[in-house]
Amino acid sequence: MYQPPHFREDSQAAQHALIRAHPLGLLVTAGPGGLIANPIPFLLDAVGEHGTLRAHLARANPQGRELAAVEECLVVFQGPQGYVTPSWYASKREHGRVVPTWNYATVHAWGRPRVIEAADWLHRQIADLTALREAPRAAPWAVSDAPEPFVAAQVRALVGVEIPISRIEGKWKMSQNRSEADRHGVMAGFQAEGEPVLAGLIAERSPA
């Protein structure tokens, strides 16, 4: 990933927080079938130097076979993002030498995937993922709410994947390369467009 120094984010805590907040990762493989990419929801375990990703996909998905054949895969997690109009910049009114851009936060994680077919692992995977996503609800649904024969049939139609992260990169492009006046203009613009999270990230990432 192209990483100018002012956008680079090396904090593993920040990287992991983005993954957990935006768990739908783009799983990318380049195996015998060529380049394949699928959006897959992931869990992140604090196991290993950089953490371990866990997921499951349909047994019918050809990427499962690709995962068994590759030495490495890539998972891309996309956080908050938004278009930045030059109209928000104070410098537009000063000299006009400005162009549109995009602000975003993203994490890329690489690792050697391990395909898992064990029913107990898969059952734990779907139960853990469901419990995590249902937890904020007033009446959380649990896998155990469904009939066990039905769940067992669903599990048979899945394969699991575990990816110990060997390399991880983060990039928070949040107007750090703009002047203070331009950053304030971008923050005000995002606030006006109902994007307070992006406005907050720009404030948080502003150079001291």
N, C-alpha and C. Protein backbone atom coordinates (compact mmCIF):
# COMPACT_ATOMS: atom_id res chain seq x y z
N MET A 1 0.86 -1.19 0.00
CA MET A 1 0.00 0.00 0.00
C MET A 1 0.89 1.24 0.00
N TYR A 2 0.54 2.21 -0.83
CA TYR A 2 1.29 3.46 -0.86
C TYR A 2 1.05 4.21 0.44
N GLN A 3 2.14 4.53 1.14
CA GLN A 3 2.02 5.12 2.47
C GLN A 3 2.95 6.31 2.66
N PRO A 4 2.54 7.50 2.24
CA PRO A 4 3.32 8.68 2.63
C PRO A 4 3.41 8.73 4.15
N PRO A 5 4.55 9.17 4.69
CA PRO A 5 4.76 9.12 6.14
C PRO A 5 3.66 9.77 6.97
N HIS A 6 3.08 10.89 6.48
CA HIS A 6 2.09 11.59 7.30
C HIS A 6 0.75 10.86 7.38
N PHE A 7 0.53 9.85 6.52
CA PHE A 7 -0.72 9.08 6.57
C PHE A 7 -0.54 7.71 7.22
N ARG A 8 0.67 7.32 7.46
CA ARG A 8 0.97 5.98 7.94
C ARG A 8 0.50 5.79 9.38
N GLU A 9 -0.09 4.62 9.66
CA GLU A 9 -0.54 4.29 11.02
C GLU A 9 0.04 2.94 11.42
N ASP A 10 1.03 2.97 12.31
CA ASP A 10 1.71 1.75 12.73
C ASP A 10 1.21 1.20 14.05
N SER A 11 0.30 1.90 14.70
CA SER A 11 -0.21 1.42 15.98
C SER A 11 -1.08 0.18 15.76
N GLN A 12 -0.66 -0.95 16.32
CA GLN A 12 -1.44 -2.17 16.17
C GLN A 12 -2.79 -2.05 16.87
N ALA A 13 -2.81 -1.31 17.96
CA ALA A 13 -4.09 -1.11 18.67
C ALA A 13 -5.08 -0.39 17.77
N ALA A 14 -4.62 0.64 17.05
CA ALA A 14 -5.49 1.38 16.13
C ALA A 14 -5.90 0.51 14.96
N GLN A 15 -4.97 -0.26 14.43
CA GLN A 15 -5.28 -1.17 13.32
C GLN A 15 -6.33 -2.19 13.73
N HIS A 16 -6.13 -2.81 14.89
CA HIS A 16 -7.08 -3.82 15.37
C HIS A 16 -8.44 -3.20 15.65
N ALA A 17 -8.45 -1.98 16.18
CA ALA A 17 -9.73 -1.32 16.47
C ALA A 17 -10.52 -1.10 15.18
N LEU A 18 -9.84 -0.72 14.10
CA LEU A 18 -10.55 -0.53 12.83
C LEU A 18 -11.12 -1.85 12.32
N ILE A 19 -10.33 -2.92 12.41
CA ILE A 19 -10.81 -4.23 11.96
C ILE A 19 -12.06 -4.64 12.73
N ARG A 20 -12.05 -4.43 14.03
CA ARG A 20 -13.19 -4.84 14.85
C ARG A 20 -14.41 -3.96 14.60
N ALA A 21 -14.17 -2.69 14.28
CA ALA A 21 -15.29 -1.77 14.01
C ALA A 21 -15.85 -1.97 12.60
N HIS A 22 -15.01 -2.45 11.68
CA HIS A 22 -15.42 -2.62 10.27
C HIS A 22 -14.98 -4.02 9.81
N PRO A 23 -15.63 -5.06 10.33
CA PRO A 23 -15.12 -6.43 10.16
C PRO A 23 -15.37 -7.07 8.79
N LEU A 24 -16.11 -6.39 7.91
CA LEU A 24 -16.34 -6.96 6.58
C LEU A 24 -15.11 -6.68 5.73
N GLY A 25 -14.21 -7.67 5.66
CA GLY A 25 -12.97 -7.51 4.92
C GLY A 25 -13.08 -8.04 3.51
N LEU A 26 -12.29 -7.48 2.61
CA LEU A 26 -12.20 -7.99 1.24
C LEU A 26 -11.06 -9.00 1.21
N LEU A 27 -11.41 -10.28 1.07
CA LEU A 27 -10.44 -11.36 1.05
C LEU A 27 -9.93 -11.53 -0.38
N VAL A 28 -8.64 -11.39 -0.58
CA VAL A 28 -8.05 -11.41 -1.92
C VAL A 28 -7.03 -12.55 -2.02
N THR A 29 -7.18 -13.38 -3.04
CA THR A 29 -6.21 -14.44 -3.32
C THR A 29 -5.76 -14.36 -4.77
N ALA A 30 -4.54 -14.81 -5.02
CA ALA A 30 -4.01 -14.91 -6.38
C ALA A 30 -3.44 -16.32 -6.51
N GLY A 31 -4.32 -17.26 -6.83
CA GLY A 31 -3.94 -18.67 -6.91
C GLY A 31 -4.11 -19.23 -8.30
N PRO A 32 -4.28 -20.55 -8.40
CA PRO A 32 -4.43 -21.19 -9.71
C PRO A 32 -5.59 -20.63 -10.53
N GLY A 33 -6.63 -20.15 -9.88
CA GLY A 33 -7.78 -19.60 -10.59
C GLY A 33 -7.66 -18.13 -10.92
N GLY A 34 -6.50 -17.54 -10.63
CA GLY A 34 -6.30 -16.11 -10.87
C GLY A 34 -6.71 -15.28 -9.67
N LEU A 35 -6.85 -14.00 -9.87
CA LEU A 35 -7.25 -13.10 -8.78
C LEU A 35 -8.72 -13.30 -8.43
N ILE A 36 -8.99 -13.52 -7.14
CA ILE A 36 -10.36 -13.65 -6.64
C ILE A 36 -10.49 -12.78 -5.40
N ALA A 37 -11.61 -12.08 -5.29
CA ALA A 37 -11.87 -11.25 -4.11
C ALA A 37 -13.31 -11.43 -3.68
N ASN A 38 -13.51 -11.60 -2.37
CA ASN A 38 -14.85 -11.74 -1.80
C ASN A 38 -14.95 -10.95 -0.50
N PRO A 39 -16.05 -10.22 -0.28
CA PRO A 39 -16.28 -9.59 1.02
C PRO A 39 -16.71 -10.65 2.03
N ILE A 40 -15.97 -10.75 3.14
CA ILE A 40 -16.21 -11.78 4.16
C ILE A 40 -16.14 -11.13 5.53
N PRO A 41 -17.09 -11.40 6.44
CA PRO A 41 -16.97 -10.88 7.81
C PRO A 41 -15.94 -11.68 8.61
N PHE A 42 -15.08 -10.98 9.31
CA PHE A 42 -13.99 -11.60 10.05
C PHE A 42 -14.10 -11.34 11.55
N LEU A 43 -13.55 -12.27 12.30
CA LEU A 43 -13.27 -12.07 13.72
C LEU A 43 -11.77 -11.93 13.87
N LEU A 44 -11.34 -11.14 14.84
CA LEU A 44 -9.92 -10.94 15.10
C LEU A 44 -9.59 -11.44 16.50
N ASP A 45 -8.71 -12.44 16.59
CA ASP A 45 -8.24 -12.94 17.87
C ASP A 45 -6.87 -12.36 18.17
N ALA A 46 -6.61 -12.01 19.42
CA ALA A 46 -5.32 -11.48 19.83
C ALA A 46 -4.34 -12.63 20.06
N VAL A 47 -4.10 -13.39 19.01
CA VAL A 47 -3.20 -14.55 19.08
C VAL A 47 -2.10 -14.34 18.04
N GLY A 48 -0.85 -14.51 18.43
CA GLY A 48 0.26 -14.30 17.52
C GLY A 48 0.76 -12.87 17.58
N GLU A 49 1.83 -12.61 16.84
CA GLU A 49 2.49 -11.29 16.90
C GLU A 49 1.57 -10.16 16.46
N HIS A 50 0.79 -10.39 15.40
CA HIS A 50 -0.08 -9.34 14.87
C HIS A 50 -1.56 -9.68 14.96
N GLY A 51 -1.90 -10.79 15.60
CA GLY A 51 -3.28 -11.22 15.68
C GLY A 51 -3.60 -12.29 14.65
N THR A 52 -4.77 -12.90 14.78
CA THR A 52 -5.21 -13.95 13.87
C THR A 52 -6.64 -13.67 13.43
N LEU A 53 -6.87 -13.74 12.13
CA LEU A 53 -8.21 -13.54 11.56
C LEU A 53 -8.92 -14.87 11.41
N ARG A 54 -10.21 -14.87 11.72
CA ARG A 54 -11.04 -16.08 11.55
C ARG A 54 -12.26 -15.73 10.73
N ALA A 55 -12.64 -16.64 9.83
CA ALA A 55 -13.83 -16.40 9.01
C ALA A 55 -14.36 -17.73 8.49
N HIS A 56 -15.50 -17.66 7.83
CA HIS A 56 -16.03 -18.84 7.15
C HIS A 56 -16.65 -18.39 5.83
N LEU A 57 -16.70 -19.29 4.87
CA LEU A 57 -17.31 -19.00 3.59
C LEU A 57 -18.02 -20.24 3.08
N ALA A 58 -18.87 -20.05 2.11
CA ALA A 58 -19.64 -21.16 1.56
C ALA A 58 -18.71 -22.19 0.93
N ARG A 59 -18.98 -23.46 1.19
CA ARG A 59 -18.19 -24.53 0.60
C ARG A 59 -18.21 -24.42 -0.94
N ALA A 60 -19.31 -23.93 -1.49
CA ALA A 60 -19.43 -23.79 -2.94
C ALA A 60 -18.58 -22.65 -3.50
N ASN A 61 -18.09 -21.79 -2.64
CA ASN A 61 -17.28 -20.65 -3.09
C ASN A 61 -15.91 -21.15 -3.56
N PRO A 62 -15.54 -20.92 -4.83
CA PRO A 62 -14.26 -21.43 -5.33
C PRO A 62 -13.05 -20.84 -4.62
N GLN A 63 -13.23 -19.74 -3.90
CA GLN A 63 -12.08 -19.17 -3.20
C GLN A 63 -11.60 -20.08 -2.08
N GLY A 64 -12.46 -20.95 -1.58
CA GLY A 64 -12.02 -21.91 -0.57
C GLY A 64 -10.91 -22.80 -1.10
N ARG A 65 -11.04 -23.26 -2.33
CA ARG A 65 -10.00 -24.08 -2.94
C ARG A 65 -8.73 -23.26 -3.19
N GLU A 66 -8.92 -22.01 -3.56
CA GLU A 66 -7.76 -21.14 -3.78
C GLU A 66 -6.98 -20.93 -2.48
N LEU A 67 -7.71 -20.76 -1.38
CA LEU A 67 -7.05 -20.55 -0.09
C LEU A 67 -6.16 -21.73 0.29
N ALA A 68 -6.58 -22.93 -0.08
CA ALA A 68 -5.79 -24.13 0.23
C ALA A 68 -4.54 -24.23 -0.63
N ALA A 69 -4.49 -23.45 -1.72
CA ALA A 69 -3.39 -23.58 -2.68
C ALA A 69 -2.38 -22.44 -2.61
N VAL A 70 -2.68 -21.37 -1.87
CA VAL A 70 -1.79 -20.20 -1.88
C VAL A 70 -0.93 -20.14 -0.61
N GLU A 71 0.21 -19.48 -0.76
CA GLU A 71 1.11 -19.28 0.37
C GLU A 71 0.72 -18.05 1.20
N GLU A 72 -0.01 -17.13 0.56
CA GLU A 72 -0.36 -15.88 1.23
C GLU A 72 -1.65 -15.33 0.64
N CYS A 73 -2.42 -14.67 1.48
CA CYS A 73 -3.60 -13.94 1.01
C CYS A 73 -3.59 -12.56 1.65
N LEU A 74 -4.45 -11.70 1.15
CA LEU A 74 -4.57 -10.33 1.64
C LEU A 74 -6.01 -10.07 2.04
N VAL A 75 -6.20 -9.40 3.18
CA VAL A 75 -7.54 -8.97 3.59
C VAL A 75 -7.50 -7.45 3.77
N VAL A 76 -8.43 -6.77 3.10
CA VAL A 76 -8.49 -5.31 3.15
C VAL A 76 -9.72 -4.89 3.95
N PHE A 77 -9.49 -4.11 4.99
CA PHE A 77 -10.57 -3.58 5.83
C PHE A 77 -10.69 -2.08 5.58
N GLN A 78 -11.88 -1.65 5.19
CA GLN A 78 -12.11 -0.24 4.87
C GLN A 78 -12.88 0.42 6.00
N GLY A 79 -12.32 1.48 6.55
CA GLY A 79 -12.98 2.23 7.61
C GLY A 79 -13.74 3.42 7.06
N PRO A 80 -13.92 4.46 7.87
CA PRO A 80 -14.65 5.65 7.41
C PRO A 80 -13.98 6.26 6.19
N GLN A 81 -14.79 6.79 5.26
CA GLN A 81 -14.25 7.38 4.04
C GLN A 81 -15.22 8.41 3.50
N GLY A 82 -14.68 9.38 2.77
CA GLY A 82 -15.54 10.40 2.19
C GLY A 82 -14.80 11.32 1.24
N TYR A 83 -15.54 11.84 0.28
CA TYR A 83 -15.02 12.76 -0.73
C TYR A 83 -14.76 14.13 -0.11
N VAL A 84 -13.64 14.73 -0.50
CA VAL A 84 -13.27 16.07 -0.03
C VAL A 84 -13.32 17.03 -1.21
N THR A 85 -14.24 17.98 -1.17
CA THR A 85 -14.34 18.98 -2.23
C THR A 85 -13.35 20.13 -1.99
N PRO A 86 -12.71 20.65 -3.04
CA PRO A 86 -11.81 21.80 -2.86
C PRO A 86 -12.53 23.02 -2.29
N SER A 87 -13.86 23.06 -2.42
CA SER A 87 -14.62 24.21 -1.91
C SER A 87 -14.50 24.36 -0.41
N TRP A 88 -14.09 23.29 0.29
CA TRP A 88 -13.95 23.37 1.74
C TRP A 88 -12.63 24.01 2.17
N TYR A 89 -11.68 24.12 1.26
CA TYR A 89 -10.34 24.61 1.62
C TYR A 89 -10.31 26.15 1.68
N ALA A 90 -9.70 26.66 2.74
CA ALA A 90 -9.44 28.10 2.81
C ALA A 90 -8.50 28.51 1.69
N SER A 91 -7.58 27.64 1.32
CA SER A 91 -6.59 27.97 0.29
C SER A 91 -7.22 28.13 -1.09
N LYS A 92 -8.42 27.59 -1.29
CA LYS A 92 -9.11 27.80 -2.58
C LYS A 92 -9.38 29.30 -2.77
N ARG A 93 -9.77 29.96 -1.69
CA ARG A 93 -10.08 31.39 -1.78
C ARG A 93 -8.80 32.25 -1.87
N GLU A 94 -7.68 31.66 -1.42
CA GLU A 94 -6.42 32.41 -1.44
C GLU A 94 -5.74 32.35 -2.80
N HIS A 95 -5.62 31.15 -3.37
CA HIS A 95 -4.87 31.03 -4.63
C HIS A 95 -5.50 30.08 -5.65
N GLY A 96 -6.47 29.28 -5.23
CA GLY A 96 -7.18 28.42 -6.18
C GLY A 96 -6.45 27.17 -6.62
N ARG A 97 -5.21 26.96 -6.15
CA ARG A 97 -4.45 25.81 -6.59
C ARG A 97 -4.78 24.60 -5.70
N VAL A 98 -5.97 24.07 -5.88
CA VAL A 98 -6.46 22.96 -5.07
C VAL A 98 -7.20 21.98 -5.97
N VAL A 99 -7.26 20.74 -5.54
CA VAL A 99 -7.95 19.69 -6.31
C VAL A 99 -8.77 18.84 -5.34
N PRO A 100 -9.77 18.11 -5.86
CA PRO A 100 -10.53 17.20 -5.00
C PRO A 100 -9.65 16.04 -4.52
N THR A 101 -10.06 15.42 -3.43
CA THR A 101 -9.36 14.23 -2.94
C THR A 101 -10.36 13.38 -2.15
N TRP A 102 -9.85 12.38 -1.49
CA TRP A 102 -10.67 11.46 -0.71
C TRP A 102 -9.98 11.21 0.62
N ASN A 103 -10.71 11.29 1.70
CA ASN A 103 -10.18 10.92 3.01
C ASN A 103 -10.68 9.53 3.38
N TYR A 104 -9.83 8.74 4.03
CA TYR A 104 -10.22 7.37 4.36
C TYR A 104 -9.26 6.78 5.40
N ALA A 105 -9.73 5.71 6.03
CA ALA A 105 -8.88 4.90 6.91
C ALA A 105 -9.00 3.46 6.44
N THR A 106 -7.88 2.78 6.36
CA THR A 106 -7.89 1.40 5.88
C THR A 106 -6.78 0.60 6.54
N VAL A 107 -7.00 -0.70 6.64
CA VAL A 107 -5.99 -1.63 7.16
C VAL A 107 -5.87 -2.79 6.19
N HIS A 108 -4.63 -3.13 5.84
CA HIS A 108 -4.35 -4.29 5.00
C HIS A 108 -3.61 -5.33 5.85
N ALA A 109 -4.07 -6.56 5.79
CA ALA A 109 -3.45 -7.64 6.57
C ALA A 109 -3.13 -8.81 5.65
N TRP A 110 -1.91 -9.32 5.79
CA TRP A 110 -1.45 -10.46 4.99
C TRP A 110 -1.19 -11.66 5.90
N GLY A 111 -1.31 -12.84 5.35
CA GLY A 111 -0.98 -14.04 6.10
C GLY A 111 -1.20 -15.30 5.28
N ARG A 112 -0.67 -16.40 5.79
CA ARG A 112 -0.86 -17.68 5.12
C ARG A 112 -2.14 -18.32 5.64
N PRO A 113 -3.12 -18.54 4.77
CA PRO A 113 -4.41 -19.05 5.25
C PRO A 113 -4.37 -20.55 5.53
N ARG A 114 -5.18 -20.96 6.49
CA ARG A 114 -5.36 -22.38 6.79
C ARG A 114 -6.84 -22.69 6.67
N VAL A 115 -7.19 -23.57 5.75
CA VAL A 115 -8.59 -23.95 5.54
C VAL A 115 -8.98 -25.01 6.57
N ILE A 116 -10.13 -24.82 7.20
CA ILE A 116 -10.58 -25.69 8.28
C ILE A 116 -11.95 -26.26 7.95
N GLU A 117 -12.09 -27.57 8.09
CA GLU A 117 -13.37 -28.23 7.80
C GLU A 117 -14.00 -28.85 9.04
N ALA A 118 -13.33 -28.77 10.19
CA ALA A 118 -13.84 -29.39 11.41
C ALA A 118 -15.16 -28.73 11.84
N ALA A 119 -16.18 -29.55 12.06
CA ALA A 119 -17.50 -29.04 12.40
C ALA A 119 -17.50 -28.26 13.71
N ASP A 120 -16.72 -28.70 14.70
CA ASP A 120 -16.71 -28.00 15.98
C ASP A 120 -16.10 -26.60 15.84
N TRP A 121 -15.05 -26.47 15.02
CA TRP A 121 -14.44 -25.16 14.79
C TRP A 121 -15.44 -24.24 14.08
N LEU A 122 -16.11 -24.77 13.07
CA LEU A 122 -17.07 -23.97 12.33
C LEU A 122 -18.26 -23.55 13.20
N HIS A 123 -18.70 -24.46 14.03
CA HIS A 123 -19.82 -24.13 14.93
C HIS A 123 -19.42 -23.01 15.88
N ARG A 124 -18.20 -23.09 16.43
CA ARG A 124 -17.71 -22.02 17.31
C ARG A 124 -17.58 -20.72 16.56
N GLN A 125 -17.10 -20.79 15.32
CA GLN A 125 -16.92 -19.59 14.51
C GLN A 125 -18.24 -18.85 14.29
N ILE A 126 -19.26 -19.56 13.85
CA ILE A 126 -20.53 -18.89 13.59
C ILE A 126 -21.19 -18.42 14.89
N ALA A 127 -20.99 -19.19 15.96
CA ALA A 127 -21.56 -18.78 17.25
C ALA A 127 -20.87 -17.52 17.77
N ASP A 128 -19.53 -17.47 17.66
CA ASP A 128 -18.79 -16.29 18.13
C ASP A 128 -19.13 -15.05 17.31
N LEU A 129 -19.18 -15.21 15.99
CA LEU A 129 -19.49 -14.06 15.14
C LEU A 129 -20.90 -13.55 15.39
N THR A 130 -21.83 -14.47 15.52
CA THR A 130 -23.22 -14.07 15.78
C THR A 130 -23.35 -13.38 17.13
N ALA A 131 -22.73 -13.94 18.16
CA ALA A 131 -22.83 -13.36 19.49
C ALA A 131 -22.26 -11.94 19.52
N LEU A 132 -21.15 -11.73 18.81
CA LEU A 132 -20.53 -10.41 18.79
C LEU A 132 -21.43 -9.38 18.12
N ARG A 133 -22.02 -9.74 16.99
CA ARG A 133 -22.85 -8.79 16.24
C ARG A 133 -24.23 -8.60 16.87
N GLU A 134 -24.73 -9.61 17.58
CA GLU A 134 -26.05 -9.51 18.20
C GLU A 134 -26.01 -8.85 19.58
N ALA A 135 -24.83 -8.77 20.18
CA ALA A 135 -24.72 -8.29 21.56
C ALA A 135 -25.39 -6.94 21.82
N PRO A 136 -25.30 -5.97 20.90
CA PRO A 136 -25.92 -4.66 21.20
C PRO A 136 -27.45 -4.67 21.14
N ARG A 137 -28.07 -5.72 20.62
CA ARG A 137 -29.52 -5.74 20.43
C ARG A 137 -30.25 -6.01 21.74
N ALA A 138 -31.44 -5.48 21.83
CA ALA A 138 -32.25 -5.66 23.05
C ALA A 138 -32.59 -7.12 23.28
N ALA A 139 -32.84 -7.85 22.20
CA ALA A 139 -33.16 -9.28 22.30
C ALA A 139 -32.26 -10.04 21.34
N PRO A 140 -31.02 -10.31 21.74
CA PRO A 140 -30.05 -10.93 20.83
C PRO A 140 -30.49 -12.32 20.36
N TRP A 141 -30.29 -12.56 19.08
CA TRP A 141 -30.52 -13.90 18.52
C TRP A 141 -29.25 -14.70 18.68
N ALA A 142 -29.38 -15.99 18.99
CA ALA A 142 -28.23 -16.88 19.15
C ALA A 142 -28.37 -18.06 18.20
N VAL A 143 -27.25 -18.63 17.80
CA VAL A 143 -27.27 -19.80 16.92
C VAL A 143 -28.10 -20.91 17.55
N SER A 144 -28.04 -21.03 18.86
CA SER A 144 -28.80 -22.07 19.55
C SER A 144 -30.32 -21.87 19.46
N ASP A 145 -30.76 -20.70 18.99
CA ASP A 145 -32.19 -20.48 18.80
C ASP A 145 -32.74 -21.27 17.60
N ALA A 146 -31.86 -21.64 16.69
CA ALA A 146 -32.28 -22.40 15.51
C ALA A 146 -32.21 -23.90 15.83
N PRO A 147 -33.03 -24.73 15.17
CA PRO A 147 -32.99 -26.18 15.42
C PRO A 147 -31.61 -26.75 15.10
N GLU A 148 -31.11 -27.62 15.97
CA GLU A 148 -29.76 -28.16 15.80
C GLU A 148 -29.57 -28.88 14.47
N PRO A 149 -30.53 -29.69 13.99
CA PRO A 149 -30.33 -30.33 12.68
C PRO A 149 -30.16 -29.30 11.55
N PHE A 150 -30.88 -28.19 11.65
CA PHE A 150 -30.75 -27.13 10.66
C PHE A 150 -29.36 -26.50 10.72
N VAL A 151 -28.89 -26.21 11.94
CA VAL A 151 -27.56 -25.63 12.11
C VAL A 151 -26.48 -26.58 11.58
N ALA A 152 -26.63 -27.86 11.89
CA ALA A 152 -25.64 -28.84 11.44
C ALA A 152 -25.58 -28.89 9.91
N ALA A 153 -26.73 -28.78 9.26
CA ALA A 153 -26.75 -28.77 7.80
C ALA A 153 -26.08 -27.52 7.26
N GLN A 154 -26.30 -26.38 7.92
CA GLN A 154 -25.65 -25.14 7.49
C GLN A 154 -24.14 -25.25 7.63
N VAL A 155 -23.69 -25.83 8.74
CA VAL A 155 -22.25 -25.97 8.99
C VAL A 155 -21.60 -26.85 7.93
N ARG A 156 -22.30 -27.89 7.50
CA ARG A 156 -21.75 -28.77 6.47
C ARG A 156 -21.55 -28.06 5.14
N ALA A 157 -22.24 -26.95 4.95
CA ALA A 157 -22.13 -26.20 3.71
C ALA A 157 -21.07 -25.10 3.79
N LEU A 158 -20.27 -25.11 4.86
CA LEU A 158 -19.26 -24.08 5.07
C LEU A 158 -17.86 -24.66 5.13
N VAL A 159 -16.88 -23.81 4.90
CA VAL A 159 -15.49 -24.10 5.25
C VAL A 159 -14.97 -22.91 6.03
N GLY A 160 -14.04 -23.15 6.92
CA GLY A 160 -13.47 -22.08 7.72
C GLY A 160 -12.09 -21.69 7.21
N VAL A 161 -11.66 -20.52 7.61
CA VAL A 161 -10.30 -20.08 7.29
C VAL A 161 -9.73 -19.32 8.49
N GLU A 162 -8.51 -19.64 8.80
CA GLU A 162 -7.78 -18.98 9.88
C GLU A 162 -6.52 -18.39 9.27
N ILE A 163 -6.28 -17.11 9.53
CA ILE A 163 -5.15 -16.41 8.93
C ILE A 163 -4.32 -15.74 10.02
N PRO A 164 -3.23 -16.38 10.47
CA PRO A 164 -2.31 -15.68 11.37
C PRO A 164 -1.68 -14.52 10.59
N ILE A 165 -1.82 -13.32 11.10
CA ILE A 165 -1.35 -12.14 10.37
C ILE A 165 0.18 -12.07 10.44
N SER A 166 0.82 -12.10 9.28
CA SER A 166 2.28 -12.01 9.22
C SER A 166 2.75 -10.58 8.97
N ARG A 167 1.88 -9.77 8.39
CA ARG A 167 2.21 -8.37 8.09
C ARG A 167 0.93 -7.57 8.09
N ILE A 168 0.99 -6.36 8.64
CA ILE A 168 -0.22 -5.53 8.72
C ILE A 168 0.19 -4.07 8.53
N GLU A 169 -0.60 -3.34 7.75
CA GLU A 169 -0.34 -1.92 7.49
C GLU A 169 -1.62 -1.12 7.67
N GLY A 170 -1.48 0.07 8.22
CA GLY A 170 -2.62 0.95 8.36
C GLY A 170 -2.36 2.29 7.71
N LYS A 171 -3.40 2.90 7.17
CA LYS A 171 -3.28 4.21 6.55
C LYS A 171 -4.52 5.03 6.91
N TRP A 172 -4.28 6.16 7.56
CA TRP A 172 -5.36 7.09 7.91
C TRP A 172 -5.10 8.38 7.14
N LYS A 173 -5.72 8.54 5.98
CA LYS A 173 -5.54 9.75 5.16
C LYS A 173 -6.62 10.74 5.59
N MET A 174 -6.25 11.66 6.46
CA MET A 174 -7.20 12.55 7.10
C MET A 174 -6.74 14.02 7.03
N SER A 175 -6.33 14.43 5.84
CA SER A 175 -5.96 15.84 5.59
C SER A 175 -4.75 16.30 6.38
N GLN A 176 -3.90 15.35 6.82
CA GLN A 176 -2.71 15.74 7.59
C GLN A 176 -1.75 16.59 6.77
N ASN A 177 -1.84 16.51 5.44
CA ASN A 177 -0.93 17.26 4.58
C ASN A 177 -1.46 18.65 4.22
N ARG A 178 -2.60 19.04 4.78
CA ARG A 178 -3.18 20.35 4.50
C ARG A 178 -2.87 21.33 5.65
N SER A 179 -3.05 22.61 5.38
CA SER A 179 -2.84 23.62 6.41
C SER A 179 -3.92 23.50 7.49
N GLU A 180 -3.68 24.16 8.61
CA GLU A 180 -4.67 24.13 9.69
C GLU A 180 -6.00 24.70 9.23
N ALA A 181 -5.94 25.79 8.46
CA ALA A 181 -7.18 26.42 7.98
C ALA A 181 -7.93 25.48 7.04
N ASP A 182 -7.20 24.78 6.17
CA ASP A 182 -7.85 23.83 5.26
C ASP A 182 -8.46 22.67 6.03
N ARG A 183 -7.75 22.17 7.05
CA ARG A 183 -8.28 21.05 7.85
C ARG A 183 -9.57 21.47 8.55
N HIS A 184 -9.59 22.68 9.09
CA HIS A 184 -10.82 23.14 9.75
C HIS A 184 -11.97 23.24 8.74
N GLY A 185 -11.65 23.65 7.52
CA GLY A 185 -12.68 23.71 6.49
C GLY A 185 -13.23 22.34 6.15
N VAL A 186 -12.35 21.33 6.08
CA VAL A 186 -12.78 19.97 5.78
C VAL A 186 -13.61 19.41 6.94
N MET A 187 -13.19 19.67 8.17
CA MET A 187 -13.96 19.22 9.32
C MET A 187 -15.36 19.83 9.31
N ALA A 188 -15.45 21.12 9.05
CA ALA A 188 -16.75 21.78 9.01
C ALA A 188 -17.60 21.21 7.87
N GLY A 189 -16.95 20.91 6.74
CA GLY A 189 -17.70 20.35 5.62
C GLY A 189 -18.28 18.99 5.93
N PHE A 190 -17.48 18.13 6.55
CA PHE A 190 -17.98 16.80 6.91
C PHE A 190 -19.08 16.89 7.97
N GLN A 191 -18.91 17.78 8.92
CA GLN A 191 -19.96 17.97 9.92
C GLN A 191 -21.27 18.39 9.26
N ALA A 192 -21.19 19.32 8.31
CA ALA A 192 -22.39 19.81 7.64
C ALA A 192 -23.06 18.72 6.81
N GLU A 193 -22.27 17.75 6.33
CA GLU A 193 -22.82 16.67 5.52
C GLU A 193 -23.19 15.44 6.34
N GLY A 194 -23.19 15.59 7.67
CA GLY A 194 -23.60 14.49 8.54
C GLY A 194 -22.57 13.40 8.67
N GLU A 195 -21.29 13.78 8.61
CA GLU A 195 -20.19 12.82 8.75
C GLU A 195 -19.31 13.21 9.94
N PRO A 196 -19.86 13.20 11.17
CA PRO A 196 -19.06 13.63 12.32
C PRO A 196 -17.88 12.72 12.63
N VAL A 197 -17.98 11.44 12.25
CA VAL A 197 -16.86 10.52 12.52
C VAL A 197 -15.63 10.96 11.74
N LEU A 198 -15.82 11.29 10.46
CA LEU A 198 -14.69 11.75 9.67
C LEU A 198 -14.15 13.07 10.20
N ALA A 199 -15.03 13.97 10.58
CA ALA A 199 -14.59 15.24 11.15
C ALA A 199 -13.76 15.01 12.41
N GLY A 200 -14.21 14.07 13.25
CA GLY A 200 -13.48 13.76 14.46
C GLY A 200 -12.12 13.14 14.19
N LEU A 201 -12.05 12.29 13.17
CA LEU A 201 -10.77 11.66 12.84
C LEU A 201 -9.77 12.70 12.32
N ILE A 202 -10.24 13.68 11.58
CA ILE A 202 -9.35 14.73 11.10
C ILE A 202 -8.79 15.52 12.28
N ALA A 203 -9.65 15.84 13.25
CA ALA A 203 -9.20 16.56 14.44
C ALA A 203 -8.20 15.72 15.22
N GLU A 204 -8.50 14.44 15.35
CA GLU A 204 -7.63 13.52 16.10
C GLU A 204 -6.26 13.37 15.44
N ARG A 205 -6.24 13.38 14.10
CA ARG A 205 -4.99 13.12 13.37
C ARG A 205 -4.27 14.40 12.97
N SER A 206 -4.76 15.56 13.34
CA SER A 206 -4.10 16.80 12.95
C SER A 206 -2.71 16.88 13.56
N PRO A 207 -1.72 17.33 12.80
CA PRO A 207 -0.37 17.47 13.34
C PRO A 207 -0.36 18.39 14.55
N ALA A 208 0.50 18.08 15.51
CA ALA A 208 0.57 18.88 16.73
C ALA A 208 1.12 20.27 16.42
